[in-house]
Amino acid sequence: PAAQLASQFGQTAFKQGQEYLEQNVNRFVSVSALKHYF
């Protein structure tokens, strides 16, 4: 149970970090618009 709890905590932290990064990057440049150029 402790290993499962640690795994769930790691996944939650990763998702929150990814959302935080996308929100801060979108302040300066739109990621969806940037994908258009690639």
Full PDB file with SEQRES, HELIX, SHEET, SSBOND, CRYST1, ORIGX, SCALE, CONECT and MASTER records, all heavy atoms in Angstrom:
SEQRES   1 A   38  PRO ALA ALA GLN LEU ALA SER GLN PHE GLY GLN THR ALA          
SEQRES   2 A   38  PHE LYS GLN GLY GLN GLU TYR LEU GLU GLN ASN VAL ASN          
SEQRES   3 A   38  ARG PHE VAL SER VAL SER ALA LEU LYS HIS TYR PHE              
HELIX    1 AA1 ALA A    2  PHE A   28  1                                  27    
HELIX    2 AA2 VAL A   31  HIS A   36  1                                   6    
CRYST1    1.000    1.000    1.000  90.00  90.00  90.00 P 1           1          
ORIGX1      1.000000  0.000000  0.000000        0.00000                         
ORIGX2      0.000000  1.000000  0.000000        0.00000                         
ORIGX3      0.000000  0.000000  1.000000        0.00000                         
SCALE1      1.000000  0.000000  0.000000        0.00000                         
SCALE2      0.000000  1.000000  0.000000        0.00000                         
SCALE3      0.000000  0.000000  1.000000        0.00000                         
ATOM      1  N   PRO A   1       0.822  -1.233   0.000  1.00  0.00           N  
ATOM      2  CA  PRO A   1       0.000   0.000   0.000  1.00  0.00           C  
ATOM      3  C   PRO A   1       0.844   1.266   0.000  1.00  0.00           C  
ATOM      4  O   PRO A   1       0.484   2.260  -0.640  1.00  0.00           O  
ATOM      5  CB  PRO A   1      -0.828  -0.136   1.283  1.00  0.00           C  
ATOM      6  CG  PRO A   1      -0.868  -1.603   1.561  1.00  0.00           C  
ATOM      7  CD  PRO A   1       0.457  -2.135   1.099  1.00  0.00           C  
ATOM      8  N   ALA A   2       1.977   1.258   0.689  1.00  0.00           N  
ATOM      9  CA  ALA A   2       2.827   2.450   0.692  1.00  0.00           C  
ATOM     10  C   ALA A   2       3.400   2.735  -0.687  1.00  0.00           C  
ATOM     11  O   ALA A   2       3.489   3.895  -1.112  1.00  0.00           O  
ATOM     12  CB  ALA A   2       3.963   2.258   1.709  1.00  0.00           C  
ATOM     13  N   ALA A   3       3.782   1.684  -1.419  1.00  0.00           N  
ATOM     14  CA  ALA A   3       4.302   1.876  -2.774  1.00  0.00           C  
ATOM     15  C   ALA A   3       3.224   2.397  -3.709  1.00  0.00           C  
ATOM     16  O   ALA A   3       3.473   3.260  -4.561  1.00  0.00           O  
ATOM     17  CB  ALA A   3       4.887   0.564  -3.295  1.00  0.00           C  
ATOM     18  N   GLN A   4       2.022   1.895  -3.584  1.00  0.00           N  
ATOM     19  CA  GLN A   4       0.926   2.389  -4.418  1.00  0.00           C  
ATOM     20  C   GLN A   4       0.610   3.842  -4.108  1.00  0.00           C  
ATOM     21  O   GLN A   4       0.347   4.646  -5.012  1.00  0.00           O  
ATOM     22  CB  GLN A   4      -0.303   1.512  -4.207  1.00  0.00           C  
ATOM     23  CG  GLN A   4      -0.142   0.070  -4.686  1.00  0.00           C  
ATOM     24  CD  GLN A   4      -1.377  -0.755  -4.447  1.00  0.00           C  
ATOM     25  OE1 GLN A   4      -2.353  -0.262  -3.869  1.00  0.00           O  
ATOM     26  NE2 GLN A   4      -1.349  -2.005  -4.879  1.00  0.00           N  
ATOM     27  N   LEU A   5       0.651   4.211  -2.824  1.00  0.00           N  
ATOM     28  CA  LEU A   5       0.404   5.598  -2.452  1.00  0.00           C  
ATOM     29  C   LEU A   5       1.478   6.527  -3.015  1.00  0.00           C  
ATOM     30  O   LEU A   5       1.184   7.623  -3.515  1.00  0.00           O  
ATOM     31  CB  LEU A   5       0.341   5.722  -0.931  1.00  0.00           C  
ATOM     32  CG  LEU A   5       0.074   7.127  -0.369  1.00  0.00           C  
ATOM     33  CD1 LEU A   5      -1.281   7.624  -0.846  1.00  0.00           C  
ATOM     34  CD2 LEU A   5       0.145   7.114   1.151  1.00  0.00           C  
ATOM     35  N   ALA A   6       2.736   6.088  -2.967  1.00  0.00           N  
ATOM     36  CA  ALA A   6       3.818   6.893  -3.530  1.00  0.00           C  
ATOM     37  C   ALA A   6       3.685   7.039  -5.044  1.00  0.00           C  
ATOM     38  O   ALA A   6       3.957   8.103  -5.607  1.00  0.00           O  
ATOM     39  CB  ALA A   6       5.164   6.277  -3.169  1.00  0.00           C  
ATOM     40  N   SER A   7       3.253   5.970  -5.709  1.00  0.00           N  
ATOM     41  CA  SER A   7       3.070   6.038  -7.161  1.00  0.00           C  
ATOM     42  C   SER A   7       1.956   7.015  -7.525  1.00  0.00           C  
ATOM     43  O   SER A   7       2.096   7.814  -8.458  1.00  0.00           O  
ATOM     44  CB  SER A   7       2.765   4.647  -7.705  1.00  0.00           C  
ATOM     45  OG  SER A   7       2.518   4.685  -9.089  1.00  0.00           O  
ATOM     46  N   GLN A   8       0.846   6.958  -6.815  1.00  0.00           N  
ATOM     47  CA  GLN A   8      -0.244   7.889  -7.085  1.00  0.00           C  
ATOM     48  C   GLN A   8       0.165   9.328  -6.806  1.00  0.00           C  
ATOM     49  O   GLN A   8      -0.193  10.247  -7.539  1.00  0.00           O  
ATOM     50  CB  GLN A   8      -1.458   7.513  -6.237  1.00  0.00           C  
ATOM     51  CG  GLN A   8      -2.085   6.169  -6.601  1.00  0.00           C  
ATOM     52  CD  GLN A   8      -3.235   5.812  -5.687  1.00  0.00           C  
ATOM     53  OE1 GLN A   8      -3.575   6.569  -4.775  1.00  0.00           O  
ATOM     54  NE2 GLN A   8      -3.846   4.656  -5.933  1.00  0.00           N  
ATOM     55  N   PHE A   9       0.933   9.530  -5.755  1.00  0.00           N  
ATOM     56  CA  PHE A   9       1.413  10.877  -5.444  1.00  0.00           C  
ATOM     57  C   PHE A   9       2.330  11.408  -6.539  1.00  0.00           C  
ATOM     58  O   PHE A   9       2.258  12.578  -6.923  1.00  0.00           O  
ATOM     59  CB  PHE A   9       2.145  10.863  -4.100  1.00  0.00           C  
ATOM     60  CG  PHE A   9       2.726  12.184  -3.718  1.00  0.00           C  
ATOM     61  CD1 PHE A   9       1.925  13.200  -3.218  1.00  0.00           C  
ATOM     62  CD2 PHE A   9       4.087  12.430  -3.888  1.00  0.00           C  
ATOM     63  CE1 PHE A   9       2.464  14.431  -2.873  1.00  0.00           C  
ATOM     64  CE2 PHE A   9       4.633  13.659  -3.547  1.00  0.00           C  
ATOM     65  CZ  PHE A   9       3.815  14.662  -3.044  1.00  0.00           C  
ATOM     66  N   GLY A  10       3.204  10.539  -7.077  1.00  0.00           N  
ATOM     67  CA  GLY A  10       4.093  10.964  -8.155  1.00  0.00           C  
ATOM     68  C   GLY A  10       3.339  11.316  -9.421  1.00  0.00           C  
ATOM     69  O   GLY A  10       3.650  12.308 -10.085  1.00  0.00           O  
ATOM     70  N   GLN A  11       2.327  10.525  -9.772  1.00  0.00           N  
ATOM     71  CA  GLN A  11       1.533  10.827 -10.963  1.00  0.00           C  
ATOM     72  C   GLN A  11       0.777  12.132 -10.807  1.00  0.00           C  
ATOM     73  O   GLN A  11       0.694  12.938 -11.737  1.00  0.00           O  
ATOM     74  CB  GLN A  11       0.575   9.673 -11.239  1.00  0.00           C  
ATOM     75  CG  GLN A  11       1.260   8.376 -11.640  1.00  0.00           C  
ATOM     76  CD  GLN A  11       0.271   7.242 -11.833  1.00  0.00           C  
ATOM     77  OE1 GLN A  11      -0.938   7.432 -11.663  1.00  0.00           O  
ATOM     78  NE2 GLN A  11       0.769   6.063 -12.184  1.00  0.00           N  
ATOM     79  N   THR A  12       0.215  12.371  -9.633  1.00  0.00           N  
ATOM     80  CA  THR A  12      -0.507  13.623  -9.397  1.00  0.00           C  
ATOM     81  C   THR A  12       0.422  14.829  -9.479  1.00  0.00           C  
ATOM     82  O   THR A  12       0.084  15.857 -10.081  1.00  0.00           O  
ATOM     83  CB  THR A  12      -1.183  13.580  -8.023  1.00  0.00           C  
ATOM     84  OG1 THR A  12      -2.028  12.425  -7.944  1.00  0.00           O  
ATOM     85  CG2 THR A  12      -2.013  14.835  -7.787  1.00  0.00           C  
ATOM     86  N   ALA A  13       1.614  14.712  -8.900  1.00  0.00           N  
ATOM     87  CA  ALA A  13       2.569  15.822  -8.956  1.00  0.00           C  
ATOM     88  C   ALA A  13       3.017  16.093 -10.384  1.00  0.00           C  
ATOM     89  O   ALA A  13       3.184  17.255 -10.786  1.00  0.00           O  
ATOM     90  CB  ALA A  13       3.771  15.504  -8.069  1.00  0.00           C  
ATOM     91  N   PHE A  14       3.200  15.042 -11.183  1.00  0.00           N  
ATOM     92  CA  PHE A  14       3.617  15.221 -12.569  1.00  0.00           C  
ATOM     93  C   PHE A  14       2.534  15.932 -13.380  1.00  0.00           C  
ATOM     94  O   PHE A  14       2.832  16.831 -14.173  1.00  0.00           O  
ATOM     95  CB  PHE A  14       3.930  13.864 -13.192  1.00  0.00           C  
ATOM     96  CG  PHE A  14       4.297  13.918 -14.637  1.00  0.00           C  
ATOM     97  CD1 PHE A  14       5.553  14.338 -15.041  1.00  0.00           C  
ATOM     98  CD2 PHE A  14       3.375  13.555 -15.613  1.00  0.00           C  
ATOM     99  CE1 PHE A  14       5.883  14.408 -16.380  1.00  0.00           C  
ATOM    100  CE2 PHE A  14       3.696  13.622 -16.949  1.00  0.00           C  
ATOM    101  CZ  PHE A  14       4.957  14.046 -17.336  1.00  0.00           C  
ATOM    102  N   LYS A  15       1.269  15.547 -13.162  1.00  0.00           N  
ATOM    103  CA  LYS A  15       0.181  16.183 -13.902  1.00  0.00           C  
ATOM    104  C   LYS A  15       0.046  17.652 -13.516  1.00  0.00           C  
ATOM    105  O   LYS A  15      -0.148  18.516 -14.368  1.00  0.00           O  
ATOM    106  CB  LYS A  15      -1.126  15.437 -13.637  1.00  0.00           C  
ATOM    107  CG  LYS A  15      -1.180  14.047 -14.250  1.00  0.00           C  
ATOM    108  CD  LYS A  15      -2.503  13.367 -13.954  1.00  0.00           C  
ATOM    109  CE  LYS A  15      -2.549  11.965 -14.547  1.00  0.00           C  
ATOM    110  NZ  LYS A  15      -3.838  11.274 -14.251  1.00  0.00           N  
ATOM    111  N   GLN A  16       0.156  17.937 -12.224  1.00  0.00           N  
ATOM    112  CA  GLN A  16       0.063  19.326 -11.794  1.00  0.00           C  
ATOM    113  C   GLN A  16       1.218  20.167 -12.335  1.00  0.00           C  
ATOM    114  O   GLN A  16       1.027  21.309 -12.740  1.00  0.00           O  
ATOM    115  CB  GLN A  16       0.034  19.389 -10.266  1.00  0.00           C  
ATOM    116  CG  GLN A  16      -1.229  18.816  -9.642  1.00  0.00           C  
ATOM    117  CD  GLN A  16      -1.215  18.876  -8.137  1.00  0.00           C  
ATOM    118  OE1 GLN A  16      -0.215  19.267  -7.533  1.00  0.00           O  
ATOM    119  NE2 GLN A  16      -2.326  18.490  -7.505  1.00  0.00           N  
ATOM    120  N   GLY A  17       2.422  19.592 -12.360  1.00  0.00           N  
ATOM    121  CA  GLY A  17       3.549  20.322 -12.926  1.00  0.00           C  
ATOM    122  C   GLY A  17       3.388  20.587 -14.412  1.00  0.00           C  
ATOM    123  O   GLY A  17       3.733  21.658 -14.907  1.00  0.00           O  
ATOM    124  N   GLN A  18       2.844  19.603 -15.132  1.00  0.00           N  
ATOM    125  CA  GLN A  18       2.624  19.788 -16.560  1.00  0.00           C  
ATOM    126  C   GLN A  18       1.580  20.864 -16.822  1.00  0.00           C  
ATOM    127  O   GLN A  18       1.743  21.699 -17.711  1.00  0.00           O  
ATOM    128  CB  GLN A  18       2.194  18.456 -17.190  1.00  0.00           C  
ATOM    129  CG  GLN A  18       2.078  18.489 -18.700  1.00  0.00           C  
ATOM    130  CD  GLN A  18       1.714  17.141 -19.272  1.00  0.00           C  
ATOM    131  OE1 GLN A  18       1.403  16.203 -18.526  1.00  0.00           O  
ATOM    132  NE2 GLN A  18       1.749  17.015 -20.582  1.00  0.00           N  
ATOM    133  N   GLU A  19       0.492  20.865 -16.050  1.00  0.00           N  
ATOM    134  CA  GLU A  19      -0.522  21.891 -16.213  1.00  0.00           C  
ATOM    135  C   GLU A  19       0.017  23.272 -15.871  1.00  0.00           C  
ATOM    136  O   GLU A  19      -0.273  24.261 -16.559  1.00  0.00           O  
ATOM    137  CB  GLU A  19      -1.725  21.558 -15.326  1.00  0.00           C  
ATOM    138  CG  GLU A  19      -2.482  20.293 -15.751  1.00  0.00           C  
ATOM    139  CD  GLU A  19      -3.594  19.961 -14.786  1.00  0.00           C  
ATOM    140  OE1 GLU A  19      -3.736  20.691 -13.769  1.00  0.00           O  
ATOM    141  OE2 GLU A  19      -4.329  18.987 -15.042  1.00  0.00           O  
ATOM    142  N   TYR A  20       0.826  23.355 -14.825  1.00  0.00           N  
ATOM    143  CA  TYR A  20       1.413  24.645 -14.444  1.00  0.00           C  
ATOM    144  C   TYR A  20       2.337  25.173 -15.537  1.00  0.00           C  
ATOM    145  O   TYR A  20       2.343  26.371 -15.859  1.00  0.00           O  
ATOM    146  CB  TYR A  20       2.175  24.487 -13.134  1.00  0.00           C  
ATOM    147  CG  TYR A  20       2.891  25.739 -12.684  1.00  0.00           C  
ATOM    148  CD1 TYR A  20       2.201  26.770 -12.047  1.00  0.00           C  
ATOM    149  CD2 TYR A  20       4.266  25.891 -12.910  1.00  0.00           C  
ATOM    150  CE1 TYR A  20       2.867  27.919 -11.644  1.00  0.00           C  
ATOM    151  CE2 TYR A  20       4.928  27.032 -12.505  1.00  0.00           C  
ATOM    152  CZ  TYR A  20       4.221  28.043 -11.868  1.00  0.00           C  
ATOM    153  OH  TYR A  20       4.885  29.179 -11.485  1.00  0.00           O  
ATOM    154  N   LEU A  21       3.121  24.273 -16.135  1.00  0.00           N  
ATOM    155  CA  LEU A  21       4.032  24.686 -17.197  1.00  0.00           C  
ATOM    156  C   LEU A  21       3.277  25.167 -18.420  1.00  0.00           C  
ATOM    157  O   LEU A  21       3.633  26.183 -19.028  1.00  0.00           O  
ATOM    158  CB  LEU A  21       4.958  23.525 -17.568  1.00  0.00           C  
ATOM    159  CG  LEU A  21       6.002  23.788 -18.647  1.00  0.00           C  
ATOM    160  CD1 LEU A  21       6.951  24.893 -18.199  1.00  0.00           C  
ATOM    161  CD2 LEU A  21       6.779  22.520 -18.972  1.00  0.00           C  
ATOM    162  N   GLU A  22       2.214  24.448 -18.792  1.00  0.00           N  
ATOM    163  CA  GLU A  22       1.438  24.855 -19.959  1.00  0.00           C  
ATOM    164  C   GLU A  22       0.751  26.201 -19.724  1.00  0.00           C  
ATOM    165  O   GLU A  22       0.686  27.040 -20.629  1.00  0.00           O  
ATOM    166  CB  GLU A  22       0.404  23.777 -20.283  1.00  0.00           C  
ATOM    167  CG  GLU A  22       1.002  22.480 -20.813  1.00  0.00           C  
ATOM    168  CD  GLU A  22      -0.057  21.436 -21.108  1.00  0.00           C  
ATOM    169  OE1 GLU A  22      -1.246  21.724 -20.806  1.00  0.00           O  
ATOM    170  OE2 GLU A  22       0.288  20.362 -21.622  1.00  0.00           O  
ATOM    171  N   GLN A  23       0.247  26.426 -18.516  1.00  0.00           N  
ATOM    172  CA  GLN A  23      -0.403  27.705 -18.240  1.00  0.00           C  
ATOM    173  C   GLN A  23       0.572  28.861 -18.313  1.00  0.00           C  
ATOM    174  O   GLN A  23       0.250  29.929 -18.831  1.00  0.00           O  
ATOM    175  CB  GLN A  23      -1.057  27.649 -16.852  1.00  0.00           C  
ATOM    176  CG  GLN A  23      -2.249  26.700 -16.778  1.00  0.00           C  
ATOM    177  CD  GLN A  23      -2.807  26.600 -15.369  1.00  0.00           C  
ATOM    178  OE1 GLN A  23      -2.295  27.228 -14.440  1.00  0.00           O  
ATOM    179  NE2 GLN A  23      -3.854  25.812 -15.201  1.00  0.00           N  
ATOM    180  N   ASN A  24       1.798  28.670 -17.806  1.00  0.00           N  
ATOM    181  CA  ASN A  24       2.776  29.758 -17.836  1.00  0.00           C  
ATOM    182  C   ASN A  24       3.344  29.970 -19.228  1.00  0.00           C  
ATOM    183  O   ASN A  24       3.652  31.104 -19.607  1.00  0.00           O  
ATOM    184  CB  ASN A  24       3.913  29.465 -16.843  1.00  0.00           C  
ATOM    185  CG  ASN A  24       3.484  29.665 -15.400  1.00  0.00           C  
ATOM    186  OD1 ASN A  24       3.571  30.751 -14.854  1.00  0.00           O  
ATOM    187  ND2 ASN A  24       3.001  28.600 -14.782  1.00  0.00           N  
ATOM    188  N   VAL A  25       3.504  28.893 -20.011  1.00  0.00           N  
ATOM    189  CA  VAL A  25       3.998  29.048 -21.374  1.00  0.00           C  
ATOM    190  C   VAL A  25       2.958  29.739 -22.241  1.00  0.00           C  
ATOM    191  O   VAL A  25       3.293  30.574 -23.100  1.00  0.00           O  
ATOM    192  CB  VAL A  25       4.396  27.677 -21.953  1.00  0.00           C  
ATOM    193  CG1 VAL A  25       4.711  27.791 -23.440  1.00  0.00           C  
ATOM    194  CG2 VAL A  25       5.593  27.117 -21.207  1.00  0.00           C  
ATOM    195  N   ASN A  26       1.684  29.427 -22.024  1.00  0.00           N  
ATOM    196  CA  ASN A  26       0.623  30.035 -22.826  1.00  0.00           C  
ATOM    197  C   ASN A  26       0.489  31.527 -22.572  1.00  0.00           C  
ATOM    198  O   ASN A  26      -0.169  32.225 -23.354  1.00  0.00           O  
ATOM    199  CB  ASN A  26      -0.707  29.340 -22.544  1.00  0.00           C  
ATOM    200  CG  ASN A  26      -0.767  27.952 -23.150  1.00  0.00           C  
ATOM    201  OD1 ASN A  26      -0.132  27.693 -24.174  1.00  0.00           O  
ATOM    202  ND2 ASN A  26      -1.516  27.049 -22.532  1.00  0.00           N  
ATOM    203  N   ARG A  27       1.069  32.025 -21.484  1.00  0.00           N  
ATOM    204  CA  ARG A  27       1.028  33.466 -21.266  1.00  0.00           C  
ATOM    205  C   ARG A  27       1.841  34.221 -22.294  1.00  0.00           C  
ATOM    206  O   ARG A  27       1.517  35.355 -22.659  1.00  0.00           O  
ATOM    207  CB  ARG A  27       1.569  33.796 -19.866  1.00  0.00           C  
ATOM    208  CG  ARG A  27       0.702  33.278 -18.721  1.00  0.00           C  
ATOM    209  CD  ARG A  27       1.322  33.654 -17.381  1.00  0.00           C  
ATOM    210  NE  ARG A  27       0.541  33.134 -16.268  1.00  0.00           N  
ATOM    211  CZ  ARG A  27       0.873  33.298 -14.987  1.00  0.00           C  
ATOM    212  NH1 ARG A  27       1.988  33.974 -14.676  1.00  0.00           N  
ATOM    213  NH2 ARG A  27       0.124  32.792 -14.032  1.00  0.00           N  
ATOM    214  N   PHE A  28       2.909  33.608 -22.762  1.00  0.00           N  
ATOM    215  CA  PHE A  28       3.805  34.271 -23.713  1.00  0.00           C  
ATOM    216  C   PHE A  28       3.547  33.831 -25.151  1.00  0.00           C  
ATOM    217  O   PHE A  28       3.643  34.633 -26.076  1.00  0.00           O  
ATOM    218  CB  PHE A  28       5.265  33.994 -23.328  1.00  0.00           C  
ATOM    219  CG  PHE A  28       5.601  34.409 -21.923  1.00  0.00           C  
ATOM    220  CD1 PHE A  28       5.594  33.476 -20.895  1.00  0.00           C  
ATOM    221  CD2 PHE A  28       5.911  35.720 -21.637  1.00  0.00           C  
ATOM    222  CE1 PHE A  28       5.909  33.853 -19.593  1.00  0.00           C  
ATOM    223  CE2 PHE A  28       6.222  36.112 -20.337  1.00  0.00           C  
ATOM    224  CZ  PHE A  28       6.214  35.175 -19.315  1.00  0.00           C  
ATOM    225  N   VAL A  29       3.290  32.573 -25.368  1.00  0.00           N  
ATOM    226  CA  VAL A  29       3.060  32.062 -26.715  1.00  0.00           C  
ATOM    227  C   VAL A  29       2.068  30.913 -26.643  1.00  0.00           C  
ATOM    228  O   VAL A  29       2.084  30.126 -25.694  1.00  0.00           O  
ATOM    229  CB  VAL A  29       4.387  31.590 -27.360  1.00  0.00           C  
ATOM    230  CG1 VAL A  29       5.023  30.471 -26.561  1.00  0.00           C  
ATOM    231  CG2 VAL A  29       4.162  31.169 -28.804  1.00  0.00           C  
ATOM    232  N   SER A  30       1.209  30.851 -27.625  1.00  0.00           N  
ATOM    233  CA  SER A  30       0.212  29.794 -27.666  1.00  0.00           C  
ATOM    234  C   SER A  30       0.846  28.507 -28.185  1.00  0.00           C  
ATOM    235  O   SER A  30       1.446  28.486 -29.268  1.00  0.00           O  
ATOM    236  CB  SER A  30      -0.961  30.206 -28.570  1.00  0.00           C  
ATOM    237  OG  SER A  30      -1.892  29.146 -28.682  1.00  0.00           O  
ATOM    238  N   VAL A  31       0.701  27.451 -27.381  1.00  0.00           N  
ATOM    239  CA  VAL A  31       1.292  26.178 -27.785  1.00  0.00           C  
ATOM    240  C   VAL A  31       0.596  25.626 -29.019  1.00  0.00           C  
ATOM    241  O   VAL A  31       1.235  25.090 -29.932  1.00  0.00           O  
ATOM    242  CB  VAL A  31       1.226  25.172 -26.620  1.00  0.00           C  
ATOM    243  CG1 VAL A  31       1.783  23.816 -27.038  1.00  0.00           C  
ATOM    244  CG2 VAL A  31       1.986  25.703 -25.415  1.00  0.00           C  
ATOM    245  N   SER A  32      -0.724  25.772 -29.091  1.00  0.00           N  
ATOM    246  CA  SER A  32      -1.455  25.283 -30.263  1.00  0.00           C  
ATOM    247  C   SER A  32      -1.062  26.054 -31.515  1.00  0.00           C  
ATOM    248  O   SER A  32      -0.944  25.478 -32.596  1.00  0.00           O  
ATOM    249  CB  SER A  32      -2.959  25.405 -30.007  1.00  0.00           C  
ATOM    250  OG  SER A  32      -3.313  26.763 -29.758  1.00  0.00           O  
ATOM    251  N   ALA A  33      -0.834  27.358 -31.370  1.00  0.00           N  
ATOM    252  CA  ALA A  33      -0.385  28.140 -32.533  1.00  0.00           C  
ATOM    253  C   ALA A  33       1.037  27.785 -32.920  1.00  0.00           C  
ATOM    254  O   ALA A  33       1.393  27.806 -34.112  1.00  0.00           O  
ATOM    255  CB  ALA A  33      -0.497  29.629 -32.227  1.00  0.00           C  
ATOM    256  N   LEU A  34       1.856  27.448 -31.936  1.00  0.00           N  
ATOM    257  CA  LEU A  34       3.236  27.076 -32.234  1.00  0.00           C  
ATOM    258  C   LEU A  34       3.303  25.741 -32.962  1.00  0.00           C  
ATOM    259  O   LEU A  34       4.173  25.533 -33.818  1.00  0.00           O  
ATOM    260  CB  LEU A  34       4.045  27.018 -30.945  1.00  0.00           C  
ATOM    261  CG  LEU A  34       5.561  26.920 -31.073  1.00  0.00           C  
ATOM    262  CD1 LEU A  34       6.118  28.137 -31.793  1.00  0.00           C  
ATOM    263  CD2 LEU A  34       6.204  26.773 -29.701  1.00  0.00           C  
ATOM    264  N   LYS A  35       2.400  24.827 -32.653  1.00  0.00           N  
ATOM    265  CA  LYS A  35       2.373  23.541 -33.350  1.00  0.00           C  
ATOM    266  C   LYS A  35       2.060  23.715 -34.829  1.00  0.00           C  
ATOM    267  O   LYS A  35       2.477  22.902 -35.654  1.00  0.00           O  
ATOM    268  CB  LYS A  35       1.348  22.619 -32.697  1.00  0.00           C  
ATOM    269  CG  LYS A  35       1.709  22.169 -31.289  1.00  0.00           C  
ATOM    270  CD  LYS A  35       0.631  21.256 -30.722  1.00  0.00           C  
ATOM    271  CE  LYS A  35       0.998  20.798 -29.315  1.00  0.00           C  
ATOM    272  NZ  LYS A  35      -0.075  19.925 -28.739  1.00  0.00           N  
ATOM    273  N   HIS A  36       1.325  24.762 -35.159  1.00  0.00           N  
ATOM    274  CA  HIS A  36       0.981  25.017 -36.559  1.00  0.00           C  
ATOM    275  C   HIS A  36       2.232  25.215 -37.411  1.00  0.00           C  
ATOM    276  O   HIS A  36       2.274  24.773 -38.570  1.00  0.00           O  
ATOM    277  CB  HIS A  36       0.080  26.252 -36.631  1.00  0.00           C  
ATOM    278  CG  HIS A  36      -0.161  26.748 -38.020  1.00  0.00           C  
ATOM    279  ND1 HIS A  36      -1.153  26.249 -38.835  1.00  0.00           N  
ATOM    280  CD2 HIS A  36       0.484  27.701 -38.768  1.00  0.00           C  
ATOM    281  CE1 HIS A  36      -1.128  26.876 -40.005  1.00  0.00           C  
ATOM    282  NE2 HIS A  36      -0.142  27.755 -39.988  1.00  0.00           N  
ATOM    283  N   TYR A  37       3.270  25.830 -36.846  1.00  0.00           N  
ATOM    284  CA  TYR A  37       4.473  26.137 -37.612  1.00  0.00           C  
ATOM    285  C   TYR A  37       5.419  24.945 -37.737  1.00  0.00           C  
ATOM    286  O   TYR A  37       6.379  25.016 -38.496  1.00  0.00           O  
ATOM    287  CB  TYR A  37       5.211  27.300 -36.962  1.00  0.00           C  
ATOM    288  CG  TYR A  37       4.463  28.610 -37.058  1.00  0.00           C  
ATOM    289  CD1 TYR A  37       3.524  28.971 -36.087  1.00  0.00           C  
ATOM    290  CD2 TYR A  37       4.667  29.480 -38.116  1.00  0.00           C  
ATOM    291  CE1 TYR A  37       2.826  30.162 -36.169  1.00  0.00           C  
ATOM    292  CE2 TYR A  37       3.978  30.673 -38.219  1.00  0.00           C  
ATOM    293  CZ  TYR A  37       3.053  31.006 -37.238  1.00  0.00           C  
ATOM    294  OH  TYR A  37       2.362  32.195 -37.332  1.00  0.00           O  
ATOM    295  N   PHE A  38       5.176  23.887 -37.010  1.00  0.00           N  
ATOM    296  CA  PHE A  38       5.996  22.677 -37.117  1.00  0.00           C  
ATOM    297  C   PHE A  38       5.258  21.550 -37.824  1.00  0.00           C  
ATOM    298  O   PHE A  38       5.743  20.423 -37.843  1.00  0.00           O  
ATOM    299  CB  PHE A  38       6.437  22.216 -35.731  1.00  0.00           C  
ATOM    300  CG  PHE A  38       7.487  23.089 -35.105  1.00  0.00           C  
ATOM    301  CD1 PHE A  38       7.132  24.142 -34.285  1.00  0.00           C  
ATOM    302  CD2 PHE A  38       8.836  22.868 -35.361  1.00  0.00           C  
ATOM    303  CE1 PHE A  38       8.095  24.958 -33.706  1.00  0.00           C  
ATOM    304  CE2 PHE A  38       9.804  23.677 -34.792  1.00  0.00           C  
ATOM    305  CZ  PHE A  38       9.428  24.725 -33.964  1.00  0.00           C  
TER     306      PHE A  38                                                      
MASTER        0    0    0    2    0    0    0    6  305    1    0    3          
END                                                                             
